């Protein structure tokens, strides 16, 4: 299992996509991205280092993965 941190936005997005496959991203807030990321078993970073820029990058990476599937 690869360790995730706030810098690994793409890998984190993929992990969230696997953990929440039926999620409609239009209904997801940055707060949810934050909470769900911290709940990932492979996530190992300081929660206080998160910011809106990082959370938005995770969201965007997740969205792009979904769009590429279609």
Protein backbone atom coordinates (compact mmCIF):
# COMPACT_ATOMS: atom_id res chain seq x y z
CA UNK A 1 0.00 0.00 0.00
CA UNK A 2 1.44 3.34 -1.05
CA UNK A 3 1.50 6.04 1.60
CA UNK A 4 -0.46 9.16 0.67
CA UNK A 5 0.16 12.73 1.75
CA UNK A 6 -1.14 16.18 0.85
CA UNK A 7 1.36 16.49 -1.99
CA UNK A 8 0.09 13.34 -3.71
CA UNK A 9 -3.16 14.88 -4.94
CA UNK A 10 -3.59 12.60 -7.95
CA UNK A 11 -2.97 9.38 -5.98
CA UNK A 12 -5.30 10.65 -3.27
CA UNK A 13 -7.98 11.40 -5.86
CA UNK A 14 -7.68 7.85 -7.22
CA UNK A 15 -7.97 6.41 -3.71
CA UNK A 16 -11.08 8.51 -3.04
CA UNK A 17 -12.57 7.47 -6.38
CA UNK A 18 -12.10 3.81 -5.39
CA UNK A 19 -13.48 4.40 -1.88
CA UNK A 20 -16.52 6.40 -3.06
CA UNK A 21 -17.33 5.08 -6.56
CA UNK A 22 -20.93 6.28 -6.69
CA UNK A 23 -20.19 9.84 -5.56
CA UNK A 24 -21.64 12.73 -7.52
CA UNK A 25 -18.83 15.29 -7.29
CA UNK A 26 -21.28 18.15 -7.79
CA UNK A 27 -22.53 17.35 -4.28
CA UNK A 28 -19.08 17.11 -2.65
CA UNK A 29 -17.60 19.96 -0.62
CA UNK A 30 -13.95 20.61 0.12
CA UNK A 31 -14.79 19.75 3.73
CA UNK A 32 -15.92 16.29 2.64
CA UNK A 33 -12.76 15.84 0.55
CA UNK A 34 -10.75 16.74 3.67
CA UNK A 35 -12.62 14.31 5.96
CA UNK A 36 -12.63 11.46 3.43
CA UNK A 37 -8.93 11.91 2.75
CA UNK A 38 -8.10 11.66 6.45
CA UNK A 39 -10.17 8.46 6.63
CA UNK A 40 -8.15 6.73 3.90
CA UNK A 41 -6.04 4.01 5.58
CA UNK A 42 -3.02 4.84 3.40
CA UNK A 43 -3.13 8.56 4.19
CA UNK A 44 -0.26 9.56 6.50
CA UNK A 45 0.17 13.32 6.80
CA UNK A 46 -0.49 16.15 9.22
CA UNK A 47 -4.17 17.17 8.94
CA UNK A 48 -3.25 20.79 9.72
CA UNK A 49 -1.25 21.06 6.48
CA UNK A 50 -4.36 20.88 4.30
CA UNK A 51 -5.61 24.03 2.61
CA UNK A 52 -8.20 24.94 -0.03
CA UNK A 53 -5.61 24.81 -2.82
CA UNK A 54 -4.65 21.22 -2.00
CA UNK A 55 -8.25 20.10 -1.51
CA UNK A 56 -9.28 21.75 -4.78
CA UNK A 57 -6.44 19.96 -6.57
CA UNK A 58 -7.65 16.60 -5.21
CA UNK A 59 -11.19 17.45 -6.31
CA UNK A 60 -10.01 18.47 -9.79
CA UNK A 61 -7.91 15.32 -10.21
CA UNK A 62 -10.88 13.18 -9.17
CA UNK A 63 -13.18 15.03 -11.57
CA UNK A 64 -10.76 14.63 -14.46
CA UNK A 65 -10.53 10.89 -13.80
CA UNK A 66 -14.30 10.59 -13.97
CA UNK A 67 -14.48 12.66 -17.16
CA UNK A 68 -11.80 10.52 -18.84
CA UNK A 69 -13.87 7.40 -18.17
CA UNK A 70 -16.81 8.72 -20.18
